[in-house]
Amino acid sequence: MKPLTGIPTHTIPQLEHEGIFMRYFDETITDRNYLQLVHRDDFYLLVYQERGRSGLFVDFQELSFEGPAAFIILPGQIHYGLSSQQSAVFLVAINRHLINEQYQSLFIRPWEIFSQCH
C-alpha cells in the first residue's frame, strides 16, 4: 500500500516545553473548523468527553460517542472530527517520548479491543 503523504502531522505547541498540553472544549467554542481537518499527531491524545454527542473518523473508521466517554488517539493515527453536539471535552496531549517504551502497549491494546467492539 502506498503511504499517505500530504496529511499534516501536528506537534505539541513549542510553548509546552514539558511535553504535555491540555485543552477544554465546550459549546461556547465557536471556531471548530480545525477539528474537521484530516491530520495525524506525533503525540498521544487522551480524550475525555464529559457530556454531549460527538463523532470522529479514526484510521478510516467512523466512531460516535454519547455522554461520558474516554478514548485514546495514538501517534500517527489519521483522524478528524465529524460532529459535535452540546459536547464538553477535555484533551490531554502527551509527548510520545514521555511514555516509556515498555508501557506503550498499554495504550495500544485498549484501542485494539475497543475497535473490535464497535
C-alpha atoms as a PDB file:
ATOM      1  CA  MET A   1       0.000   0.000   0.000  1.00  0.00           C
ATOM      2  CA  LYS A   2       1.330   3.427  -0.899  1.00  0.00           C
ATOM      3  CA  PRO A   3       1.931   5.599   2.200  1.00  0.00           C
ATOM      4  CA  LEU A   4      -0.446   8.516   2.640  1.00  0.00           C
ATOM      5  CA  THR A   5       1.558  11.668   2.088  1.00  0.00           C
ATOM      6  CA  GLY A   6       0.201  15.168   2.243  1.00  0.00           C
ATOM      7  CA  ILE A   7      -1.642  14.579   5.521  1.00  0.00           C
ATOM      8  CA  PRO A   8      -0.288  17.093   8.047  1.00  0.00           C
ATOM      9  CA  THR A   9       1.223  15.928  11.320  1.00  0.00           C
ATOM     10  CA  HIS A  10       0.511  18.105  14.358  1.00  0.00           C
ATOM     11  CA  THR A  11       3.021  18.529  17.167  1.00  0.00           C
ATOM     12  CA  ILE A  12       2.586  19.774  20.725  1.00  0.00           C
ATOM     13  CA  PRO A  13       2.968  23.580  20.705  1.00  0.00           C
ATOM     14  CA  GLN A  14       6.517  24.764  21.380  1.00  0.00           C
ATOM     15  CA  LEU A  15       5.322  26.703  24.440  1.00  0.00           C
ATOM     16  CA  GLU A  16       4.502  23.416  26.124  1.00  0.00           C
ATOM     17  CA  HIS A  17       8.130  22.561  26.827  1.00  0.00           C
ATOM     18  CA  GLU A  18       7.192  19.929  29.399  1.00  0.00           C
ATOM     19  CA  GLY A  19       5.643  17.773  26.684  1.00  0.00           C
ATOM     20  CA  ILE A  20       2.062  17.943  27.949  1.00  0.00           C
ATOM     21  CA  PHE A  21      -0.687  20.139  26.536  1.00  0.00           C
ATOM     22  CA  MET A  22      -4.220  20.370  27.963  1.00  0.00           C
ATOM     23  CA  ARG A  23      -7.289  21.958  26.447  1.00  0.00           C
ATOM     24  CA  TYR A  24     -11.015  22.126  27.190  1.00  0.00           C
ATOM     25  CA  PHE A  25     -13.739  22.497  24.565  1.00  0.00           C
ATOM     26  CA  ASP A  26     -17.445  23.046  25.033  1.00  0.00           C
ATOM     27  CA  GLU A  27     -20.313  24.541  23.064  1.00  0.00           C
ATOM     28  CA  THR A  28     -19.032  28.085  23.732  1.00  0.00           C
ATOM     29  CA  ILE A  29     -16.067  27.459  21.391  1.00  0.00           C
ATOM     30  CA  THR A  30     -17.366  28.633  18.036  1.00  0.00           C
ATOM     31  CA  ASP A  31     -14.337  28.052  15.788  1.00  0.00           C
ATOM     32  CA  ARG A  32     -14.192  24.287  15.346  1.00  0.00           C
ATOM     33  CA  ASN A  33     -13.110  24.229  11.701  1.00  0.00           C
ATOM     34  CA  TYR A  34      -9.653  22.894  12.514  1.00  0.00           C
ATOM     35  CA  LEU A  35     -11.239  19.854  14.186  1.00  0.00           C
ATOM     36  CA  GLN A  36     -12.635  18.808  10.826  1.00  0.00           C
ATOM     37  CA  LEU A  37      -9.277  18.828   9.026  1.00  0.00           C
ATOM     38  CA  VAL A  38      -7.720  15.444   8.321  1.00  0.00           C
ATOM     39  CA  HIS A  39      -4.441  15.122  10.232  1.00  0.00           C
ATOM     40  CA  ARG A  40      -2.302  12.925  12.424  1.00  0.00           C
ATOM     41  CA  ASP A  41      -0.474  13.796  15.622  1.00  0.00           C
ATOM     42  CA  ASP A  42       3.012  12.912  16.794  1.00  0.00           C
ATOM     43  CA  PHE A  43       1.745  12.552  20.380  1.00  0.00           C
ATOM     44  CA  TYR A  44      -0.749  10.542  22.415  1.00  0.00           C
ATOM     45  CA  LEU A  45      -4.114  12.287  22.632  1.00  0.00           C
ATOM     46  CA  LEU A  46      -6.203  11.331  25.650  1.00  0.00           C
ATOM     47  CA  VAL A  47      -9.796  12.464  25.227  1.00  0.00           C
ATOM     48  CA  TYR A  48     -12.484  12.601  27.890  1.00  0.00           C
ATOM     49  CA  GLN A  49     -15.952  13.646  26.756  1.00  0.00           C
ATOM     50  CA  GLU A  50     -17.804  14.913  29.792  1.00  0.00           C
ATOM     51  CA  ARG A  51     -21.161  15.285  28.056  1.00  0.00           C
ATOM     52  CA  GLY A  52     -22.835  15.644  24.689  1.00  0.00           C
ATOM     53  CA  ARG A  53     -22.533  13.772  21.423  1.00  0.00           C
ATOM     54  CA  SER A  54     -19.600  13.648  19.064  1.00  0.00           C
ATOM     55  CA  GLY A  55     -18.392  11.764  16.060  1.00  0.00           C
ATOM     56  CA  LEU A  56     -14.969  11.317  14.572  1.00  0.00           C
ATOM     57  CA  PHE A  57     -13.109   9.366  11.985  1.00  0.00           C
ATOM     58  CA  VAL A  58     -10.001   7.468  13.149  1.00  0.00           C
ATOM     59  CA  ASP A  59      -7.937   5.350  10.773  1.00  0.00           C
ATOM     60  CA  PHE A  60     -10.829   5.010   8.321  1.00  0.00           C
ATOM     61  CA  GLN A  61     -13.376   4.009  10.983  1.00  0.00           C
ATOM     62  CA  GLU A  62     -16.296   6.204  11.982  1.00  0.00           C
ATOM     63  CA  LEU A  63     -16.767   6.401  15.752  1.00  0.00           C
ATOM     64  CA  SER A  64     -19.537   8.069  17.744  1.00  0.00           C
ATOM     65  CA  PHE A  65     -19.822   8.849  21.437  1.00  0.00           C
ATOM     66  CA  GLU A  66     -22.755   9.931  23.561  1.00  0.00           C
ATOM     67  CA  GLY A  67     -22.499  11.100  27.155  1.00  0.00           C
ATOM     68  CA  PRO A  68     -19.365  10.451  29.188  1.00  0.00           C
ATOM     69  CA  ALA A  69     -16.703   8.659  27.158  1.00  0.00           C
ATOM     70  CA  ALA A  70     -12.927   8.280  27.106  1.00  0.00           C
ATOM     71  CA  PHE A  71     -10.617   7.201  24.331  1.00  0.00           C
ATOM     72  CA  ILE A  72      -7.036   7.483  23.090  1.00  0.00           C
ATOM     73  CA  ILE A  73      -5.772   8.551  19.701  1.00  0.00           C
ATOM     74  CA  LEU A  74      -2.300   7.122  19.153  1.00  0.00           C
ATOM     75  CA  PRO A  75       0.621   8.901  17.479  1.00  0.00           C
ATOM     76  CA  GLY A  76       0.329   8.570  13.718  1.00  0.00           C
ATOM     77  CA  GLN A  77      -3.371   7.691  13.583  1.00  0.00           C
ATOM     78  CA  ILE A  78      -5.185   9.639  10.883  1.00  0.00           C
ATOM     79  CA  HIS A  79      -8.248  11.363  12.305  1.00  0.00           C
ATOM     80  CA  TYR A  80     -10.668  14.266  12.104  1.00  0.00           C
ATOM     81  CA  GLY A  81     -13.877  15.391  13.774  1.00  0.00           C
ATOM     82  CA  LEU A  82     -17.228  14.731  12.136  1.00  0.00           C
ATOM     83  CA  SER A  83     -19.702  16.277  14.557  1.00  0.00           C
ATOM     84  CA  SER A  84     -20.141  17.779  17.986  1.00  0.00           C
ATOM     85  CA  GLN A  85     -23.458  18.490  19.693  1.00  0.00           C
ATOM     86  CA  GLN A  86     -23.561  20.120  23.123  1.00  0.00           C
ATOM     87  CA  SER A  87     -20.314  18.368  23.968  1.00  0.00           C
ATOM     88  CA  ALA A  88     -17.758  19.242  26.617  1.00  0.00           C
ATOM     89  CA  VAL A  89     -14.390  17.610  26.052  1.00  0.00           C
ATOM     90  CA  PHE A  90     -11.033  17.582  27.850  1.00  0.00           C
ATOM     91  CA  LEU A  91      -7.976  16.898  25.688  1.00  0.00           C
ATOM     92  CA  VAL A  92      -4.584  15.927  27.084  1.00  0.00           C
ATOM     93  CA  ALA A  93      -1.738  15.655  24.584  1.00  0.00           C
ATOM     94  CA  ILE A  94       1.342  13.809  25.840  1.00  0.00           C
ATOM     95  CA  ASN A  95       4.671  13.761  24.023  1.00  0.00           C
ATOM     96  CA  ARG A  96       5.257  10.188  22.887  1.00  0.00           C
ATOM     97  CA  HIS A  97       8.813  10.317  24.252  1.00  0.00           C
ATOM     98  CA  LEU A  98       7.437  10.739  27.781  1.00  0.00           C
ATOM     99  CA  ILE A  99       5.823   7.296  27.664  1.00  0.00           C
ATOM    100  CA  ASN A 100       8.314   4.556  28.470  1.00  0.00           C
ATOM    101  CA  GLU A 101       8.504   2.092  25.587  1.00  0.00           C
ATOM    102  CA  GLN A 102       7.539  -0.861  27.791  1.00  0.00           C
ATOM    103  CA  TYR A 103       4.262   0.895  28.719  1.00  0.00           C
ATOM    104  CA  GLN A 104       3.269   1.993  25.216  1.00  0.00           C
ATOM    105  CA  SER A 105       1.477  -1.319  24.641  1.00  0.00           C
ATOM    106  CA  LEU A 106      -0.943  -0.378  27.445  1.00  0.00           C
ATOM    107  CA  PHE A 107      -2.203   2.409  25.185  1.00  0.00           C
ATOM    108  CA  ILE A 108      -2.259   0.306  22.034  1.00  0.00           C
ATOM    109  CA  ARG A 109      -4.032  -2.769  23.416  1.00  0.00           C
ATOM    110  CA  PRO A 110      -7.186  -0.960  24.665  1.00  0.00           C
ATOM    111  CA  TRP A 111      -7.586   0.626  21.223  1.00  0.00           C
ATOM    112  CA  GLU A 112      -7.441  -2.804  19.580  1.00  0.00           C
ATOM    113  CA  ILE A 113     -10.043  -4.170  21.986  1.00  0.00           C
ATOM    114  CA  PHE A 114     -12.282  -1.099  21.505  1.00  0.00           C
ATOM    115  CA  SER A 115     -12.089  -1.357  17.711  1.00  0.00           C
ATOM    116  CA  GLN A 116     -13.295  -4.949  17.826  1.00  0.00           C
ATOM    117  CA  CYS A 117     -16.345  -3.948  19.889  1.00  0.00           C
ATOM    118  CA  HIS A 118     -17.681  -1.285  17.506  1.00  0.00           C
END
